[in-house]
Amino acid sequence: MKIGYLHDHTVGSHAVLIHPSDPRKRLVIPLHRTVKVETLSKLVKDAGLSVDQFIDLL
């Protein structure tokens, strides 16, 4: 993945990503067709990205 997170495992409809430099640093990504704006905004913030950085990764 481009920002350093690696897929650790999947539980149900959620993927758990960890950062190799700090395994306690993780993101839980919903694997749903749609994601609420609030959820996406929190994930972007938790990943340490700005909105512009996130858009550049798309």
C-alpha atoms as a PDB file:
ATOM      1  CA  MET A   1       0.000   0.000   0.000  1.00  0.00           C
ATOM      2  CA  LYS A   2       1.275   3.484  -0.838  1.00  0.00           C
ATOM      3  CA  ILE A   3       1.243   4.977   2.683  1.00  0.00           C
ATOM      4  CA  GLY A   4       2.951   2.058   4.368  1.00  0.00           C
ATOM      5  CA  TYR A   5       0.024   0.130   5.857  1.00  0.00           C
ATOM      6  CA  LEU A   6      -0.127  -3.610   5.212  1.00  0.00           C
ATOM      7  CA  HIS A   7      -3.119  -5.933   5.267  1.00  0.00           C
ATOM      8  CA  ASP A   8      -3.025  -7.929   8.515  1.00  0.00           C
ATOM      9  CA  HIS A   9      -6.319  -9.790   8.435  1.00  0.00           C
ATOM     10  CA  THR A  10     -10.009  -9.528   7.595  1.00  0.00           C
ATOM     11  CA  VAL A  11     -12.851  -9.960  10.054  1.00  0.00           C
ATOM     12  CA  GLY A  12     -16.256 -10.209   8.444  1.00  0.00           C
ATOM     13  CA  SER A  13     -16.598  -7.196   6.177  1.00  0.00           C
ATOM     14  CA  HIS A  14     -13.698  -5.219   7.672  1.00  0.00           C
ATOM     15  CA  ALA A  15     -10.025  -5.304   6.693  1.00  0.00           C
ATOM     16  CA  VAL A  16      -7.455  -4.612   9.398  1.00  0.00           C
ATOM     17  CA  LEU A  17      -4.325  -2.802   8.219  1.00  0.00           C
ATOM     18  CA  ILE A  18      -1.220  -2.315  10.362  1.00  0.00           C
ATOM     19  CA  HIS A  19       1.805  -0.087   9.986  1.00  0.00           C
ATOM     20  CA  PRO A  20       5.068  -2.099  10.017  1.00  0.00           C
ATOM     21  CA  SER A  21       6.953   0.546  12.000  1.00  0.00           C
ATOM     22  CA  ASP A  22       4.359   0.405  14.794  1.00  0.00           C
ATOM     23  CA  PRO A  23       2.003  -2.616  14.807  1.00  0.00           C
ATOM     24  CA  ARG A  24      -0.197  -0.831  17.378  1.00  0.00           C
ATOM     25  CA  LYS A  25      -0.952   1.736  14.667  1.00  0.00           C
ATOM     26  CA  ARG A  26      -3.811   0.187  12.713  1.00  0.00           C
ATOM     27  CA  LEU A  27      -6.757   1.054  10.540  1.00  0.00           C
ATOM     28  CA  VAL A  28      -9.997  -0.890  10.289  1.00  0.00           C
ATOM     29  CA  ILE A  29     -11.424  -0.395   6.812  1.00  0.00           C
ATOM     30  CA  PRO A  30     -15.056  -1.296   6.075  1.00  0.00           C
ATOM     31  CA  LEU A  31     -15.376  -3.328   2.883  1.00  0.00           C
ATOM     32  CA  HIS A  32     -18.855  -2.036   2.084  1.00  0.00           C
ATOM     33  CA  ARG A  33     -20.191  -0.665  -1.200  1.00  0.00           C
ATOM     34  CA  THR A  34     -20.772   2.699   0.445  1.00  0.00           C
ATOM     35  CA  VAL A  35     -19.015   4.311   3.396  1.00  0.00           C
ATOM     36  CA  LYS A  36     -20.399   7.247   5.366  1.00  0.00           C
ATOM     37  CA  VAL A  37     -18.572  10.546   4.910  1.00  0.00           C
ATOM     38  CA  GLU A  38     -17.886  10.702   8.651  1.00  0.00           C
ATOM     39  CA  THR A  39     -16.292   7.237   8.603  1.00  0.00           C
ATOM     40  CA  LEU A  40     -14.126   8.061   5.604  1.00  0.00           C
ATOM     41  CA  SER A  41     -13.074  11.364   7.158  1.00  0.00           C
ATOM     42  CA  LYS A  42     -12.018   9.613  10.376  1.00  0.00           C
ATOM     43  CA  LEU A  43     -10.043   6.986   8.455  1.00  0.00           C
ATOM     44  CA  VAL A  44      -8.201   9.680   6.483  1.00  0.00           C
ATOM     45  CA  LYS A  45      -7.384  11.512   9.730  1.00  0.00           C
ATOM     46  CA  ASP A  46      -6.319   8.299  11.517  1.00  0.00           C
ATOM     47  CA  ALA A  47      -4.012   7.479   8.614  1.00  0.00           C
ATOM     48  CA  GLY A  48      -2.324  10.858   9.086  1.00  0.00           C
ATOM     49  CA  LEU A  49      -3.357  12.182   5.688  1.00  0.00           C
ATOM     50  CA  SER A  50      -4.853  15.429   4.521  1.00  0.00           C
ATOM     51  CA  VAL A  51      -7.837  15.311   2.206  1.00  0.00           C
ATOM     52  CA  ASP A  52      -5.612  16.407  -0.705  1.00  0.00           C
ATOM     53  CA  GLN A  53      -3.093  13.628   0.041  1.00  0.00           C
ATOM     54  CA  PHE A  54      -5.930  11.095   0.160  1.00  0.00           C
ATOM     55  CA  ILE A  55      -7.337  12.301  -3.168  1.00  0.00           C
ATOM     56  CA  ASP A  56      -3.871  12.051  -4.748  1.00  0.00           C
ATOM     57  CA  LEU A  57      -3.728   8.382  -3.692  1.00  0.00           C
ATOM     58  CA  LEU A  58      -7.002   7.552  -5.497  1.00  0.00           C
END
